[in-house]
Structure formats: structure tokens, C-alpha cells
Amino acid sequence: MYGESERLVREEERKRITGLSRSTVWRLEREGNFPQRRLAGKNSCGWLLSDLLLWMHEGRW
């Protein structure tokens, strides 16, 4: 079983965790400086919590 950090985080929660606006995240994603989104179904996606926490810990922003 995966731990809590392996759950998928949607946009609203991602914003609370990182404090970054949607447009800033899009820019960082295009530059390759933000974790990749994961597909959660046909019409939804999100980020692994563990990816976001690692990204913040490493200070890549």
C-alpha cells in the first residue's frame, strides 16, 4: 500500500501547498522546473504529493 505522500493532489490543494499561482506553475512546467502532472482519468490530472514535497524541499523554485 502506498503512503499518504503517494496520493494525487489536484489544482486547489496544489496551490495551498506551494503558494504558487496557476500561471506560475504553467510557466515552471514549460521550463521543466516543476513536477510533471499525472493523469487521473480521462479529463483530470494532478501531481503526486511526494513529487511536490520533494520539489519544495530541494528549493527548485
PDB file of N, CA and C in Angstrom:
ATOM      1  N   MET A   1       0.841  -1.186   0.000  1.00  0.00           N
ATOM      2  CA  MET A   1       0.000   0.000   0.000  1.00  0.00           C
ATOM      3  C   MET A   1       0.883   1.244   0.000  1.00  0.00           C
ATOM      4  N   TYR A   2       0.463   2.223  -0.782  1.00  0.00           N
ATOM      5  CA  TYR A   2       1.213   3.464  -0.858  1.00  0.00           C
ATOM      6  C   TYR A   2       0.922   4.333   0.356  1.00  0.00           C
ATOM      7  N   GLY A   3       1.901   5.138   0.723  1.00  0.00           N
ATOM      8  CA  GLY A   3       1.721   6.043   1.842  1.00  0.00           C
ATOM      9  C   GLY A   3       0.947   7.279   1.440  1.00  0.00           C
ATOM     10  N   GLU A   4       0.663   8.115   2.397  1.00  0.00           N
ATOM     11  CA  GLU A   4      -0.081   9.356   2.172  1.00  0.00           C
ATOM     12  C   GLU A   4       0.593  10.237   1.133  1.00  0.00           C
ATOM     13  N   SER A   5       1.920  10.221   1.068  1.00  0.00           N
ATOM     14  CA  SER A   5       2.623  11.107   0.137  1.00  0.00           C
ATOM     15  C   SER A   5       2.496  10.654  -1.310  1.00  0.00           C
ATOM     16  N   GLU A   6       1.924   9.472  -1.558  1.00  0.00           N
ATOM     17  CA  GLU A   6       1.752   8.989  -2.925  1.00  0.00           C
ATOM     18  C   GLU A   6       0.374   9.300  -3.488  1.00  0.00           C
ATOM     19  N   ARG A   7      -0.409  10.062  -2.767  1.00  0.00           N
ATOM     20  CA  ARG A   7      -1.739  10.386  -3.287  1.00  0.00           C
ATOM     21  C   ARG A   7      -1.655  11.528  -4.297  1.00  0.00           C
ATOM     22  N   LEU A   8      -2.676  11.625  -5.123  1.00  0.00           N
ATOM     23  CA  LEU A   8      -2.722  12.642  -6.155  1.00  0.00           C
ATOM     24  C   LEU A   8      -3.303  13.936  -5.593  1.00  0.00           C
ATOM     25  N   VAL A   9      -2.669  15.040  -5.905  1.00  0.00           N
ATOM     26  CA  VAL A   9      -3.083  16.361  -5.443  1.00  0.00           C
ATOM     27  C   VAL A   9      -3.658  17.114  -6.637  1.00  0.00           C
ATOM     28  N   ARG A  10      -4.850  17.660  -6.474  1.00  0.00           N
ATOM     29  CA  ARG A  10      -5.493  18.427  -7.539  1.00  0.00           C
ATOM     30  C   ARG A  10      -5.094  19.902  -7.422  1.00  0.00           C
ATOM     31  N   GLU A  11      -5.528  20.712  -8.375  1.00  0.00           N
ATOM     32  CA  GLU A  11      -5.085  22.102  -8.510  1.00  0.00           C
ATOM     33  C   GLU A  11      -5.282  22.938  -7.245  1.00  0.00           C
ATOM     34  N   GLU A  12      -6.459  22.889  -6.659  1.00  0.00           N
ATOM     35  CA  GLU A  12      -6.729  23.740  -5.491  1.00  0.00           C
ATOM     36  C   GLU A  12      -5.781  23.417  -4.327  1.00  0.00           C
ATOM     37  N   GLU A  13      -5.573  22.138  -4.075  1.00  0.00           N
ATOM     38  CA  GLU A  13      -4.669  21.742  -2.995  1.00  0.00           C
ATOM     39  C   GLU A  13      -3.219  22.052  -3.361  1.00  0.00           C
ATOM     40  N   ARG A  14      -2.863  21.887  -4.630  1.00  0.00           N
ATOM     41  CA  ARG A  14      -1.506  22.217  -5.093  1.00  0.00           C
ATOM     42  C   ARG A  14      -1.198  23.679  -4.809  1.00  0.00           C
ATOM     43  N   LYS A  15      -2.179  24.530  -5.043  1.00  0.00           N
ATOM     44  CA  LYS A  15      -1.994  25.961  -4.797  1.00  0.00           C
ATOM     45  C   LYS A  15      -1.776  26.240  -3.311  1.00  0.00           C
ATOM     46  N   ARG A  16      -2.527  25.555  -2.445  1.00  0.00           N
ATOM     47  CA  ARG A  16      -2.347  25.735  -0.991  1.00  0.00           C
ATOM     48  C   ARG A  16      -0.975  25.243  -0.540  1.00  0.00           C
ATOM     49  N   ILE A  17      -0.516  24.136  -1.113  1.00  0.00           N
ATOM     50  CA  ILE A  17       0.763  23.553  -0.709  1.00  0.00           C
ATOM     51  C   ILE A  17       1.936  24.408  -1.167  1.00  0.00           C
ATOM     52  N   THR A  18       1.925  24.821  -2.429  1.00  0.00           N
ATOM     53  CA  THR A  18       3.078  25.533  -2.992  1.00  0.00           C
ATOM     54  C   THR A  18       2.988  27.044  -2.847  1.00  0.00           C
ATOM     55  N   GLY A  19       1.773  27.577  -2.762  1.00  0.00           N
ATOM     56  CA  GLY A  19       1.601  29.021  -2.713  1.00  0.00           C
ATOM     57  C   GLY A  19       1.793  29.698  -4.056  1.00  0.00           C
ATOM     58  N   LEU A  20       1.894  28.901  -5.131  1.00  0.00           N
ATOM     59  CA  LEU A  20       2.130  29.447  -6.466  1.00  0.00           C
ATOM     60  C   LEU A  20       0.835  29.530  -7.258  1.00  0.00           C
ATOM     61  N   SER A  21       0.720  30.581  -8.065  1.00  0.00           N
ATOM     62  CA  SER A  21      -0.453  30.730  -8.913  1.00  0.00           C
ATOM     63  C   SER A  21      -0.428  29.710 -10.045  1.00  0.00           C
ATOM     64  N   ARG A  22      -1.579  29.518 -10.667  1.00  0.00           N
ATOM     65  CA  ARG A  22      -1.690  28.586 -11.785  1.00  0.00           C
ATOM     66  C   ARG A  22      -0.769  28.995 -12.933  1.00  0.00           C
ATOM     67  N   SER A  23      -0.718  30.295 -13.244  1.00  0.00           N
ATOM     68  CA  SER A  23       0.120  30.744 -14.359  1.00  0.00           C
ATOM     69  C   SER A  23       1.608  30.544 -14.068  1.00  0.00           C
ATOM     70  N   THR A  24       2.024  30.728 -12.829  1.00  0.00           N
ATOM     71  CA  THR A  24       3.424  30.489 -12.468  1.00  0.00           C
ATOM     72  C   THR A  24       3.769  29.017 -12.615  1.00  0.00           C
ATOM     73  N   VAL A  25       2.868  28.142 -12.186  1.00  0.00           N
ATOM     74  CA  VAL A  25       3.104  26.705 -12.319  1.00  0.00           C
ATOM     75  C   VAL A  25       3.183  26.320 -13.789  1.00  0.00           C
ATOM     76  N   TRP A  26       2.306  26.858 -14.623  1.00  0.00           N
ATOM     77  CA  TRP A  26       2.356  26.551 -16.063  1.00  0.00           C
ATOM     78  C   TRP A  26       3.705  26.962 -16.648  1.00  0.00           C
ATOM     79  N   ARG A  27       4.181  28.148 -16.256  1.00  0.00           N
ATOM     80  CA  ARG A  27       5.479  28.612 -16.762  1.00  0.00           C
ATOM     81  C   ARG A  27       6.601  27.686 -16.304  1.00  0.00           C
ATOM     82  N   LEU A  28       6.609  27.346 -15.016  1.00  0.00           N
ATOM     83  CA  LEU A  28       7.637  26.445 -14.487  1.00  0.00           C
ATOM     84  C   LEU A  28       7.572  25.072 -15.154  1.00  0.00           C
ATOM     85  N   GLU A  29       6.366  24.585 -15.424  1.00  0.00           N
ATOM     86  CA  GLU A  29       6.215  23.300 -16.117  1.00  0.00           C
ATOM     87  C   GLU A  29       6.810  23.369 -17.518  1.00  0.00           C
ATOM     88  N   ARG A  30       6.519  24.427 -18.238  1.00  0.00           N
ATOM     89  CA  ARG A  30       7.067  24.586 -19.600  1.00  0.00           C
ATOM     90  C   ARG A  30       8.586  24.636 -19.581  1.00  0.00           C
ATOM     91  N   GLU A  31       9.158  25.243 -18.547  1.00  0.00           N
ATOM     92  CA  GLU A  31      10.615  25.347 -18.419  1.00  0.00           C
ATOM     93  C   GLU A  31      11.241  24.061 -17.887  1.00  0.00           C
ATOM     94  N   GLY A  32      10.420  23.105 -17.471  1.00  0.00           N
ATOM     95  CA  GLY A  32      10.926  21.857 -16.905  1.00  0.00           C
ATOM     96  C   GLY A  32      11.347  21.985 -15.451  1.00  0.00           C
ATOM     97  N   ASN A  33      10.821  23.004 -14.766  1.00  0.00           N
ATOM     98  CA  ASN A  33      11.208  23.280 -13.381  1.00  0.00           C
ATOM     99  C   ASN A  33      10.108  23.003 -12.366  1.00  0.00           C
ATOM    100  N   PHE A  34       9.164  22.144 -12.719  1.00  0.00           N
ATOM    101  CA  PHE A  34       8.082  21.789 -11.809  1.00  0.00           C
ATOM    102  C   PHE A  34       7.724  20.337 -12.074  1.00  0.00           C
ATOM    103  N   PRO A  35       7.299  19.595 -11.047  1.00  0.00           N
ATOM    104  CA  PRO A  35       6.945  18.182 -11.246  1.00  0.00           C
ATOM    105  C   PRO A  35       5.886  18.005 -12.333  1.00  0.00           C
ATOM    106  N   GLN A  36       5.978  16.912 -13.053  1.00  0.00           N
ATOM    107  CA  GLN A  36       5.023  16.613 -14.111  1.00  0.00           C
ATOM    108  C   GLN A  36       3.675  16.238 -13.529  1.00  0.00           C
ATOM    109  N   ARG A  37       2.635  16.634 -14.246  1.00  0.00           N
ATOM    110  CA  ARG A  37       1.282  16.229 -13.876  1.00  0.00           C
ATOM    111  C   ARG A  37       1.095  14.759 -14.213  1.00  0.00           C
ATOM    112  N   ARG A  38       0.224  14.119 -13.483  1.00  0.00           N
ATOM    113  CA  ARG A  38      -0.132  12.713 -13.718  1.00  0.00           C
ATOM    114  C   ARG A  38      -1.603  12.649 -14.099  1.00  0.00           C
ATOM    115  N   LEU A  39      -1.920  11.823 -15.053  1.00  0.00           N
ATOM    116  CA  LEU A  39      -3.312  11.639 -15.441  1.00  0.00           C
ATOM    117  C   LEU A  39      -4.053  10.884 -14.345  1.00  0.00           C
ATOM    118  N   ALA A  40      -5.249  11.367 -14.030  1.00  0.00           N
ATOM    119  CA  ALA A  40      -6.066  10.729 -13.008  1.00  0.00           C
ATOM    120  C   ALA A  40      -7.344  10.158 -13.617  1.00  0.00           C
ATOM    121  N   GLY A  41      -7.478  10.276 -14.905  1.00  0.00           N
ATOM    122  CA  GLY A  41      -8.662   9.806 -15.611  1.00  0.00           C
ATOM    123  C   GLY A  41      -8.705  10.464 -16.974  1.00  0.00           C
ATOM    124  N   LYS A  42      -9.830  10.338 -17.654  1.00  0.00           N
ATOM    125  CA  LYS A  42      -9.952  10.917 -18.989  1.00  0.00           C
ATOM    126  C   LYS A  42      -9.813  12.436 -18.985  1.00  0.00           C
ATOM    127  N   ASN A  43     -10.420  13.068 -18.006  1.00  0.00           N
ATOM    128  CA  ASN A  43     -10.490  14.529 -18.007  1.00  0.00           C
ATOM    129  C   ASN A  43      -9.902  15.176 -16.765  1.00  0.00           C
ATOM    130  N   SER A  44      -9.029  14.485 -16.081  1.00  0.00           N
ATOM    131  CA  SER A  44      -8.461  15.083 -14.870  1.00  0.00           C
ATOM    132  C   SER A  44      -6.999  14.685 -14.703  1.00  0.00           C
ATOM    133  N   CYS A  45      -6.299  15.535 -13.991  1.00  0.00           N
ATOM    134  CA  CYS A  45      -4.890  15.271 -13.718  1.00  0.00           C
ATOM    135  C   CYS A  45      -4.533  15.919 -12.389  1.00  0.00           C
ATOM    136  N   GLY A  46      -3.343  15.630 -11.923  1.00  0.00           N
ATOM    137  CA  GLY A  46      -2.864  16.194 -10.669  1.00  0.00           C
ATOM    138  C   GLY A  46      -1.398  15.867 -10.502  1.00  0.00           C
ATOM    139  N   TRP A  47      -0.876  16.141  -9.342  1.00  0.00           N
ATOM    140  CA  TRP A  47       0.528  15.905  -9.034  1.00  0.00           C
ATOM    141  C   TRP A  47       0.614  14.939  -7.870  1.00  0.00           C
ATOM    142  N   LEU A  48       1.648  14.121  -7.855  1.00  0.00           N
ATOM    143  CA  LEU A  48       1.881  13.289  -6.680  1.00  0.00           C
ATOM    144  C   LEU A  48       2.348  14.193  -5.546  1.00  0.00           C
ATOM    145  N   LEU A  49       1.774  14.016  -4.382  1.00  0.00           N
ATOM    146  CA  LEU A  49       2.163  14.815  -3.228  1.00  0.00           C
ATOM    147  C   LEU A  49       3.655  14.663  -2.966  1.00  0.00           C
ATOM    148  N   SER A  50       4.175  13.461  -3.110  1.00  0.00           N
ATOM    149  CA  SER A  50       5.607  13.234  -2.874  1.00  0.00           C
ATOM    150  C   SER A  50       6.467  14.040  -3.840  1.00  0.00           C
ATOM    151  N   ASP A  51       6.029  14.183  -5.095  1.00  0.00           N
ATOM    152  CA  ASP A  51       6.776  14.988  -6.067  1.00  0.00           C
ATOM    153  C   ASP A  51       6.794  16.457  -5.663  1.00  0.00           C
ATOM    154  N   LEU A  52       5.644  16.961  -5.217  1.00  0.00           N
ATOM    155  CA  LEU A  52       5.573  18.366  -4.792  1.00  0.00           C
ATOM    156  C   LEU A  52       6.436  18.621  -3.562  1.00  0.00           C
ATOM    157  N   LEU A  53       6.371  17.712  -2.592  1.00  0.00           N
ATOM    158  CA  LEU A  53       7.157  17.891  -1.368  1.00  0.00           C
ATOM    159  C   LEU A  53       8.653  17.832  -1.652  1.00  0.00           C
ATOM    160  N   LEU A  54       9.069  16.934  -2.525  1.00  0.00           N
ATOM    161  CA  LEU A  54      10.481  16.844  -2.901  1.00  0.00           C
ATOM    162  C   LEU A  54      10.917  18.109  -3.625  1.00  0.00           C
ATOM    163  N   TRP A  55      10.104  18.585  -4.546  1.00  0.00           N
ATOM    164  CA  TRP A  55      10.399  19.804  -5.298  1.00  0.00           C
ATOM    165  C   TRP A  55      10.586  20.981  -4.341  1.00  0.00           C
ATOM    166  N   MET A  56       9.705  21.107  -3.351  1.00  0.00           N
ATOM    167  CA  MET A  56       9.815  22.199  -2.386  1.00  0.00           C
ATOM    168  C   MET A  56      11.045  22.025  -1.502  1.00  0.00           C
ATOM    169  N   HIS A  57      11.315  20.809  -1.068  1.00  0.00           N
ATOM    170  CA  HIS A  57      12.472  20.529  -0.206  1.00  0.00           C
ATOM    171  C   HIS A  57      13.786  20.856  -0.917  1.00  0.00           C
ATOM    172  N   GLU A  58      13.840  20.568  -2.207  1.00  0.00           N
ATOM    173  CA  GLU A  58      15.059  20.829  -2.975  1.00  0.00           C
ATOM    174  C   GLU A  58      15.203  22.292  -3.361  1.00  0.00           C
ATOM    175  N   GLY A  59      14.172  23.097  -3.113  1.00  0.00           N
ATOM    176  CA  GLY A  59      14.248  24.528  -3.392  1.00  0.00           C
ATOM    177  C   GLY A  59      14.442  24.857  -4.857  1.00  0.00           C
ATOM    178  N   ARG A  60      13.782  24.125  -5.730  1.00  0.00           N
ATOM    179  CA  ARG A  60      13.944  24.336  -7.176  1.00  0.00           C
ATOM    180  C   ARG A  60      13.238  25.575  -7.694  1.00  0.00           C
ATOM    181  N   TRP A  61      12.620  26.307  -6.846  1.00  0.00           N
ATOM    182  CA  TRP A  61      11.890  27.491  -7.273  1.00  0.00           C
ATOM    183  C   TRP A  61      12.568  28.702  -6.766  1.00  0.00           C
TER     184      TRP A  61
END
